[in-house]
Amino acid sequence: MIVDTILVIGFAFVIGGGALTAFHLLHLFGGKGSIKDMPYRIAMALLGGLFISIGSNLIASGIHDKVV
């Protein structure tokens, strides 16, 4: 039961982090917004990448616990 919860949380982190990164990268490279928003957009894109990394580790841990 806990393994399934870990997998769901991992997938949520991966999907949420991907959406966060894509949204802010599109605004960075799409030409929208001002120069003063650039550090915020870069930080949020990096945070989304961190969420993807955390989620992938949770997914790997959940799969490992199911197999072992």
PDB file of N, CA and C in Angstrom:
ATOM      1  N   MET A   1       0.815  -1.196   0.000  1.00  0.00           N
ATOM      2  CA  MET A   1       0.000   0.000   0.000  1.00  0.00           C
ATOM      3  C   MET A   1       0.858   1.259   0.000  1.00  0.00           C
ATOM      4  N   ILE A   2       1.905   1.276   0.835  1.00  0.00           N
ATOM      5  CA  ILE A   2       2.772   2.452   0.889  1.00  0.00           C
ATOM      6  C   ILE A   2       3.543   2.603  -0.421  1.00  0.00           C
ATOM      7  N   VAL A   3       3.900   1.473  -1.035  1.00  0.00           N
ATOM      8  CA  VAL A   3       4.638   1.529  -2.295  1.00  0.00           C
ATOM      9  C   VAL A   3       3.795   2.216  -3.364  1.00  0.00           C
ATOM     10  N   ASP A   4       2.513   1.911  -3.403  1.00  0.00           N
ATOM     11  CA  ASP A   4       1.641   2.556  -4.381  1.00  0.00           C
ATOM     12  C   ASP A   4       1.552   4.052  -4.129  1.00  0.00           C
ATOM     13  N   THR A   5       1.532   4.457  -2.873  1.00  0.00           N
ATOM     14  CA  THR A   5       1.494   5.874  -2.529  1.00  0.00           C
ATOM     15  C   THR A   5       2.776   6.569  -2.968  1.00  0.00           C
ATOM     16  N   ILE A   6       3.908   5.913  -2.758  1.00  0.00           N
ATOM     17  CA  ILE A   6       5.187   6.488  -3.179  1.00  0.00           C
ATOM     18  C   ILE A   6       5.219   6.659  -4.689  1.00  0.00           C
ATOM     19  N   LEU A   7       4.700   5.673  -5.418  1.00  0.00           N
ATOM     20  CA  LEU A   7       4.666   5.784  -6.881  1.00  0.00           C
ATOM     21  C   LEU A   7       3.777   6.936  -7.332  1.00  0.00           C
ATOM     22  N   VAL A   8       2.634   7.093  -6.713  1.00  0.00           N
ATOM     23  CA  VAL A   8       1.717   8.177  -7.085  1.00  0.00           C
ATOM     24  C   VAL A   8       2.350   9.533  -6.804  1.00  0.00           C
ATOM     25  N   ILE A   9       2.985   9.655  -5.640  1.00  0.00           N
ATOM     26  CA  ILE A   9       3.654  10.916  -5.307  1.00  0.00           C
ATOM     27  C   ILE A   9       4.799  11.179  -6.284  1.00  0.00           C
ATOM     28  N   GLY A  10       5.539  10.129  -6.636  1.00  0.00           N
ATOM     29  CA  GLY A  10       6.630  10.285  -7.609  1.00  0.00           C
ATOM     30  C   GLY A  10       6.131  10.752  -8.967  1.00  0.00           C
ATOM     31  N   PHE A  11       5.052  10.139  -9.451  1.00  0.00           N
ATOM     32  CA  PHE A  11       4.499  10.569 -10.733  1.00  0.00           C
ATOM     33  C   PHE A  11       3.964  11.989 -10.659  1.00  0.00           C
ATOM     34  N   ALA A  12       3.393  12.369  -9.518  1.00  0.00           N
ATOM     35  CA  ALA A  12       2.906  13.741  -9.355  1.00  0.00           C
ATOM     36  C   ALA A  12       4.065  14.738  -9.403  1.00  0.00           C
ATOM     37  N   PHE A  13       5.170  14.395  -8.767  1.00  0.00           N
ATOM     38  CA  PHE A  13       6.346  15.269  -8.806  1.00  0.00           C
ATOM     39  C   PHE A  13       6.895  15.397 -10.223  1.00  0.00           C
ATOM     40  N   VAL A  14       6.960  14.289 -10.950  1.00  0.00           N
ATOM     41  CA  VAL A  14       7.495  14.330 -12.316  1.00  0.00           C
ATOM     42  C   VAL A  14       6.589  15.163 -13.225  1.00  0.00           C
ATOM     43  N   ILE A  15       5.292  14.938 -13.152  1.00  0.00           N
ATOM     44  CA  ILE A  15       4.363  15.677 -14.006  1.00  0.00           C
ATOM     45  C   ILE A  15       4.309  17.142 -13.609  1.00  0.00           C
ATOM     46  N   GLY A  16       4.234  17.413 -12.301  1.00  0.00           N
ATOM     47  CA  GLY A  16       4.206  18.800 -11.843  1.00  0.00           C
ATOM     48  C   GLY A  16       5.493  19.543 -12.150  1.00  0.00           C
ATOM     49  N   GLY A  17       6.626  18.889 -11.949  1.00  0.00           N
ATOM     50  CA  GLY A  17       7.916  19.508 -12.261  1.00  0.00           C
ATOM     51  C   GLY A  17       8.089  19.752 -13.747  1.00  0.00           C
ATOM     52  N   GLY A  18       7.623  18.816 -14.562  1.00  0.00           N
ATOM     53  CA  GLY A  18       7.691  19.004 -16.015  1.00  0.00           C
ATOM     54  C   GLY A  18       6.834  20.165 -16.474  1.00  0.00           C
ATOM     55  N   ALA A  19       5.643  20.275 -15.901  1.00  0.00           N
ATOM     56  CA  ALA A  19       4.762  21.389 -16.261  1.00  0.00           C
ATOM     57  C   ALA A  19       5.352  22.721 -15.813  1.00  0.00           C
ATOM     58  N   LEU A  20       5.913  22.750 -14.604  1.00  0.00           N
ATOM     59  CA  LEU A  20       6.526  23.970 -14.084  1.00  0.00           C
ATOM     60  C   LEU A  20       7.706  24.403 -14.949  1.00  0.00           C
ATOM     61  N   THR A  21       8.545  23.449 -15.296  1.00  0.00           N
ATOM     62  CA  THR A  21       9.708  23.753 -16.133  1.00  0.00           C
ATOM     63  C   THR A  21       9.280  24.211 -17.525  1.00  0.00           C
ATOM     64  N   ALA A  22       8.350  23.501 -18.131  1.00  0.00           N
ATOM     65  CA  ALA A  22       7.906  23.859 -19.477  1.00  0.00           C
ATOM     66  C   ALA A  22       7.268  25.245 -19.494  1.00  0.00           C
ATOM     67  N   PHE A  23       6.441  25.538 -18.511  1.00  0.00           N
ATOM     68  CA  PHE A  23       5.774  26.837 -18.455  1.00  0.00           C
ATOM     69  C   PHE A  23       6.785  27.972 -18.386  1.00  0.00           C
ATOM     70  N   HIS A  24       7.755  27.846 -17.503  1.00  0.00           N
ATOM     71  CA  HIS A  24       8.708  28.942 -17.322  1.00  0.00           C
ATOM     72  C   HIS A  24       9.727  29.011 -18.453  1.00  0.00           C
ATOM     73  N   LEU A  25      10.091  27.885 -19.032  1.00  0.00           N
ATOM     74  CA  LEU A  25      10.997  27.931 -20.181  1.00  0.00           C
ATOM     75  C   LEU A  25      10.308  28.537 -21.402  1.00  0.00           C
ATOM     76  N   LEU A  26       9.027  28.251 -21.569  1.00  0.00           N
ATOM     77  CA  LEU A  26       8.293  28.869 -22.678  1.00  0.00           C
ATOM     78  C   LEU A  26       8.228  30.386 -22.519  1.00  0.00           C
ATOM     79  N   HIS A  27       8.063  30.854 -21.300  1.00  0.00           N
ATOM     80  CA  HIS A  27       8.049  32.291 -21.073  1.00  0.00           C
ATOM     81  C   HIS A  27       9.441  32.894 -21.231  1.00  0.00           C
ATOM     82  N   LEU A  28      10.479  32.133 -20.888  1.00  0.00           N
ATOM     83  CA  LEU A  28      11.843  32.639 -21.058  1.00  0.00           C
ATOM     84  C   LEU A  28      12.204  32.777 -22.530  1.00  0.00           C
ATOM     85  N   PHE A  29      11.930  31.741 -23.305  1.00  0.00           N
ATOM     86  CA  PHE A  29      12.342  31.721 -24.700  1.00  0.00           C
ATOM     87  C   PHE A  29      11.262  32.205 -25.659  1.00  0.00           C
ATOM     88  N   GLY A  30      10.061  32.407 -25.150  1.00  0.00           N
ATOM     89  CA  GLY A  30       8.972  32.857 -26.002  1.00  0.00           C
ATOM     90  C   GLY A  30       8.931  34.362 -26.185  1.00  0.00           C
ATOM     91  N   GLY A  31       9.730  35.079 -25.431  1.00  0.00           N
ATOM     92  CA  GLY A  31       9.765  36.521 -25.576  1.00  0.00           C
ATOM     93  C   GLY A  31       8.736  37.248 -24.735  1.00  0.00           C
ATOM     94  N   LYS A  32       7.955  36.517 -23.928  1.00  0.00           N
ATOM     95  CA  LYS A  32       6.965  37.167 -23.074  1.00  0.00           C
ATOM     96  C   LYS A  32       7.634  37.608 -21.783  1.00  0.00           C
ATOM     97  N   GLY A  33       7.129  38.668 -21.196  1.00  0.00           N
ATOM     98  CA  GLY A  33       7.634  39.123 -19.910  1.00  0.00           C
ATOM     99  C   GLY A  33       8.778  40.105 -20.049  1.00  0.00           C
ATOM    100  N   SER A  34       9.190  40.612 -18.932  1.00  0.00           N
ATOM    101  CA  SER A  34      10.247  41.607 -18.929  1.00  0.00           C
ATOM    102  C   SER A  34      11.558  40.989 -18.455  1.00  0.00           C
ATOM    103  N   ILE A  35      12.592  41.800 -18.536  1.00  0.00           N
ATOM    104  CA  ILE A  35      13.919  41.351 -18.120  1.00  0.00           C
ATOM    105  C   ILE A  35      13.959  41.115 -16.610  1.00  0.00           C
ATOM    106  N   LYS A  36      13.200  41.904 -15.859  1.00  0.00           N
ATOM    107  CA  LYS A  36      13.251  41.753 -14.399  1.00  0.00           C
ATOM    108  C   LYS A  36      12.626  40.448 -13.922  1.00  0.00           C
ATOM    109  N   ASP A  37      11.818  39.790 -14.746  1.00  0.00           N
ATOM    110  CA  ASP A  37      11.234  38.492 -14.404  1.00  0.00           C
ATOM    111  C   ASP A  37      12.170  37.328 -14.707  1.00  0.00           C
ATOM    112  N   MET A  38      13.273  37.597 -15.401  1.00  0.00           N
ATOM    113  CA  MET A  38      14.145  36.523 -15.850  1.00  0.00           C
ATOM    114  C   MET A  38      14.735  35.698 -14.693  1.00  0.00           C
ATOM    115  N   PRO A  39      15.262  36.279 -13.620  1.00  0.00           N
ATOM    116  CA  PRO A  39      15.782  35.425 -12.536  1.00  0.00           C
ATOM    117  C   PRO A  39      14.704  34.530 -11.916  1.00  0.00           C
ATOM    118  N   TYR A  40      13.496  35.053 -11.803  1.00  0.00           N
ATOM    119  CA  TYR A  40      12.389  34.260 -11.266  1.00  0.00           C
ATOM    120  C   TYR A  40      12.077  33.087 -12.191  1.00  0.00           C
ATOM    121  N   ARG A  41      12.027  33.343 -13.491  1.00  0.00           N
ATOM    122  CA  ARG A  41      11.722  32.279 -14.455  1.00  0.00           C
ATOM    123  C   ARG A  41      12.801  31.204 -14.447  1.00  0.00           C
ATOM    124  N   ILE A  42      14.059  31.624 -14.371  1.00  0.00           N
ATOM    125  CA  ILE A  42      15.164  30.661 -14.336  1.00  0.00           C
ATOM    126  C   ILE A  42      15.097  29.827 -13.064  1.00  0.00           C
ATOM    127  N   ALA A  43      14.842  30.473 -11.926  1.00  0.00           N
ATOM    128  CA  ALA A  43      14.758  29.751 -10.651  1.00  0.00           C
ATOM    129  C   ALA A  43      13.610  28.749 -10.665  1.00  0.00           C
ATOM    130  N   MET A  44      12.471  29.139 -11.199  1.00  0.00           N
ATOM    131  CA  MET A  44      11.323  28.229 -11.236  1.00  0.00           C
ATOM    132  C   MET A  44      11.568  27.066 -12.197  1.00  0.00           C
ATOM    133  N   ALA A  45      12.256  27.319 -13.311  1.00  0.00           N
ATOM    134  CA  ALA A  45      12.587  26.235 -14.243  1.00  0.00           C
ATOM    135  C   ALA A  45      13.536  25.243 -13.577  1.00  0.00           C
ATOM    136  N   LEU A  46      14.512  25.741 -12.820  1.00  0.00           N
ATOM    137  CA  LEU A  46      15.426  24.859 -12.105  1.00  0.00           C
ATOM    138  C   LEU A  46      14.708  24.091 -10.991  1.00  0.00           C
ATOM    139  N   LEU A  47      13.789  24.747 -10.318  1.00  0.00           N
ATOM    140  CA  LEU A  47      13.004  24.078  -9.284  1.00  0.00           C
ATOM    141  C   LEU A  47      12.159  22.954  -9.890  1.00  0.00           C
ATOM    142  N   GLY A  48      11.609  23.196 -11.070  1.00  0.00           N
ATOM    143  CA  GLY A  48      10.867  22.143 -11.769  1.00  0.00           C
ATOM    144  C   GLY A  48      11.762  20.962 -12.101  1.00  0.00           C
ATOM    145  N   GLY A  49      12.997  21.239 -12.503  1.00  0.00           N
ATOM    146  CA  GLY A  49      13.956  20.160 -12.756  1.00  0.00           C
ATOM    147  C   GLY A  49      14.269  19.371 -11.493  1.00  0.00           C
ATOM    148  N   LEU A  50      14.361  20.075 -10.371  1.00  0.00           N
ATOM    149  CA  LEU A  50      14.577  19.403  -9.095  1.00  0.00           C
ATOM    150  C   LEU A  50      13.388  18.508  -8.747  1.00  0.00           C
ATOM    151  N   PHE A  51      12.173  18.997  -8.996  1.00  0.00           N
ATOM    152  CA  PHE A  51      10.978  18.187  -8.740  1.00  0.00           C
ATOM    153  C   PHE A  51      10.965  16.932  -9.615  1.00  0.00           C
ATOM    154  N   ILE A  52      11.392  17.061 -10.863  1.00  0.00           N
ATOM    155  CA  ILE A  52      11.472  15.899 -11.751  1.00  0.00           C
ATOM    156  C   ILE A  52      12.457  14.882 -11.186  1.00  0.00           C
ATOM    157  N   SER A  53      13.585  15.357 -10.701  1.00  0.00           N
ATOM    158  CA  SER A  53      14.602  14.476 -10.133  1.00  0.00           C
ATOM    159  C   SER A  53      14.096  13.769  -8.882  1.00  0.00           C
ATOM    160  N   ILE A  54      13.435  14.505  -7.997  1.00  0.00           N
ATOM    161  CA  ILE A  54      12.876  13.899  -6.784  1.00  0.00           C
ATOM    162  C   ILE A  54      11.825  12.850  -7.152  1.00  0.00           C
ATOM    163  N   GLY A  55      10.960  13.196  -8.099  1.00  0.00           N
ATOM    164  CA  GLY A  55       9.921  12.264  -8.519  1.00  0.00           C
ATOM    165  C   GLY A  55      10.479  11.001  -9.139  1.00  0.00           C
ATOM    166  N   SER A  56      11.518  11.137  -9.959  1.00  0.00           N
ATOM    167  CA  SER A  56      12.092   9.947 -10.588  1.00  0.00           C
ATOM    168  C   SER A  56      12.750   9.045  -9.550  1.00  0.00           C
ATOM    169  N   ASN A  57      13.355   9.645  -8.527  1.00  0.00           N
ATOM    170  CA  ASN A  57      13.927   8.824  -7.454  1.00  0.00           C
ATOM    171  C   ASN A  57      12.840   8.111  -6.649  1.00  0.00           C
ATOM    172  N   LEU A  58      11.724   8.785  -6.411  1.00  0.00           N
ATOM    173  CA  LEU A  58      10.614   8.133  -5.713  1.00  0.00           C
ATOM    174  C   LEU A  58      10.035   6.988  -6.535  1.00  0.00           C
ATOM    175  N   ILE A  59       9.915   7.182  -7.829  1.00  0.00           N
ATOM    176  CA  ILE A  59       9.410   6.123  -8.707  1.00  0.00           C
ATOM    177  C   ILE A  59      10.360   4.930  -8.699  1.00  0.00           C
ATOM    178  N   ALA A  60      11.660   5.205  -8.811  1.00  0.00           N
ATOM    179  CA  ALA A  60      12.645   4.121  -8.802  1.00  0.00           C
ATOM    180  C   ALA A  60      12.614   3.370  -7.475  1.00  0.00           C
ATOM    181  N   SER A  61      12.470   4.099  -6.381  1.00  0.00           N
ATOM    182  CA  SER A  61      12.394   3.460  -5.066  1.00  0.00           C
ATOM    183  C   SER A  61      11.137   2.596  -4.950  1.00  0.00           C
ATOM    184  N   GLY A  62      10.027   3.094  -5.453  1.00  0.00           N
ATOM    185  CA  GLY A  62       8.789   2.322  -5.413  1.00  0.00           C
ATOM    186  C   GLY A  62       8.860   1.065  -6.242  1.00  0.00           C
ATOM    187  N   ILE A  63       9.452   1.166  -7.420  1.00  0.00           N
ATOM    188  CA  ILE A  63       9.607  -0.011  -8.264  1.00  0.00           C
ATOM    189  C   ILE A  63      10.555  -1.016  -7.615  1.00  0.00           C
ATOM    190  N   HIS A  64      11.640  -0.515  -7.041  1.00  0.00           N
ATOM    191  CA  HIS A  64      12.593  -1.389  -6.371  1.00  0.00           C
ATOM    192  C   HIS A  64      11.939  -2.127  -5.205  1.00  0.00           C
ATOM    193  N   ASP A  65      11.109  -1.420  -4.436  1.00  0.00           N
ATOM    194  CA  ASP A  65      10.447  -2.071  -3.314  1.00  0.00           C
ATOM    195  C   ASP A  65       9.431  -3.110  -3.764  1.00  0.00           C
ATOM    196  N   LYS A  66       8.820  -2.919  -4.934  1.00  0.00           N
ATOM    197  CA  LYS A  66       7.888  -3.914  -5.455  1.00  0.00           C
ATOM    198  C   LYS A  66       8.611  -5.166  -5.931  1.00  0.00           C
ATOM    199  N   VAL A  67       9.788  -4.970  -6.516  1.00  0.00           N
ATOM    200  CA  VAL A  67      10.528  -6.095  -7.081  1.00  0.00           C
ATOM    201  C   VAL A  67      11.187  -6.924  -5.986  1.00  0.00           C
ATOM    202  N   VAL A  68      11.742  -6.236  -5.011  1.00  0.00           N
ATOM    203  CA  VAL A  68      12.488  -6.932  -3.947  1.00  0.00           C
ATOM    204  C   VAL A  68      11.581  -7.397  -2.855  1.00  0.00           C
TER     205      VAL A  68
END
